[in-house]
């Protein structure tokens, strides 16, 4: 079954990834680096491509866009 993602443009979606999308480093209180795997992406679906979805989100006051290939998507929540 194929989903027509165009039905969900301008809607908030949460994507759980099949694999790690990236990592985030930060400092813990004891000055040891913390390592976080990014296994989900959240944002507004702004564009649909043959190869995947483009999300837009705001983090730390800045707008950023993320391209998610279809083969990386494990599950999606649509709001």
Protein backbone atom coordinates (compact mmCIF):
# COMPACT_ATOMS: atom_id res chain seq x y z
CA UNK A 1 0.00 0.00 0.00
CA UNK A 2 1.29 3.46 -0.87
CA UNK A 3 0.44 6.58 1.09
CA UNK A 4 -0.37 9.83 -0.69
CA UNK A 5 1.79 12.06 1.51
CA UNK A 6 0.44 15.16 -0.22
CA UNK A 7 -2.70 14.76 1.92
CA UNK A 8 -0.58 15.60 4.98
CA UNK A 9 1.35 18.65 3.75
CA UNK A 10 1.25 21.44 6.37
CA UNK A 11 0.52 18.92 9.13
CA UNK A 12 2.74 18.08 12.10
CA UNK A 13 4.35 14.64 11.80
CA UNK A 14 6.63 12.61 14.07
CA UNK A 15 8.84 10.09 12.28
CA UNK A 16 10.54 7.19 14.02
CA UNK A 17 13.61 6.20 12.04
CA UNK A 18 14.76 2.66 11.17
CA UNK A 19 18.34 3.67 11.87
CA UNK A 20 20.10 6.53 13.61
CA UNK A 21 19.67 9.79 11.77
CA UNK A 22 22.56 11.51 13.51
CA UNK A 23 24.01 12.34 16.89
CA UNK A 24 23.97 15.23 19.35
CA UNK A 25 26.79 15.94 21.76
CA UNK A 26 26.44 17.96 24.94
CA UNK A 27 28.14 18.25 28.30
CA UNK A 28 26.82 16.55 31.42
CA UNK A 29 27.16 18.15 34.83
CA UNK A 30 30.36 16.19 35.52
CA UNK A 31 31.93 17.54 32.28
CA UNK A 32 31.69 14.15 30.57
CA UNK A 33 30.34 14.38 27.02
CA UNK A 34 26.84 13.01 26.53
CA UNK A 35 26.02 11.21 23.29
CA UNK A 36 22.44 11.05 22.05
CA UNK A 37 21.27 9.08 19.05
CA UNK A 38 18.59 10.77 16.98
CA UNK A 39 16.02 8.09 16.22
CA UNK A 40 13.08 10.38 15.47
CA UNK A 41 12.30 13.59 13.62
CA UNK A 42 9.42 15.97 14.25
CA UNK A 43 8.22 18.83 12.10
CA UNK A 44 5.72 20.21 9.63
CA UNK A 45 5.60 18.30 6.36
CA UNK A 46 6.34 20.98 3.77
CA UNK A 47 7.14 19.02 0.62
CA UNK A 48 6.84 15.51 -0.79
CA UNK A 49 9.41 14.04 -3.19
CA UNK A 50 9.67 10.72 -5.02
CA UNK A 51 12.56 9.80 -2.69
CA UNK A 52 11.28 11.10 0.67
CA UNK A 53 9.74 13.83 2.81
CA UNK A 54 10.92 17.35 3.70
CA UNK A 55 10.13 18.53 7.23
CA UNK A 56 10.48 22.01 8.69
CA UNK A 57 10.93 22.62 12.41
CA UNK A 58 12.16 25.26 14.84
CA UNK A 59 15.01 24.52 17.24
CA UNK A 60 16.78 27.09 19.41
CA UNK A 61 14.88 29.86 17.65
CA UNK A 62 16.06 28.85 14.17
CA UNK A 63 14.10 27.23 11.36
CA UNK A 64 15.69 24.14 9.86
CA UNK A 65 14.67 21.64 7.23
CA UNK A 66 15.28 17.88 7.23
CA UNK A 67 14.97 15.51 4.31
CA UNK A 68 13.89 12.00 5.34
CA UNK A 69 14.28 9.22 2.74
CA UNK A 70 11.32 6.81 2.66
CA UNK A 71 13.57 3.80 3.29
CA UNK A 72 14.63 5.37 6.63
CA UNK A 73 11.07 5.65 7.97
CA UNK A 74 9.95 3.04 10.50
CA UNK A 75 6.68 4.65 11.60
CA UNK A 76 4.88 8.01 11.44
CA UNK A 77 2.47 9.83 13.76
CA UNK A 78 0.38 12.49 11.99
CA UNK A 79 -1.30 15.33 13.91
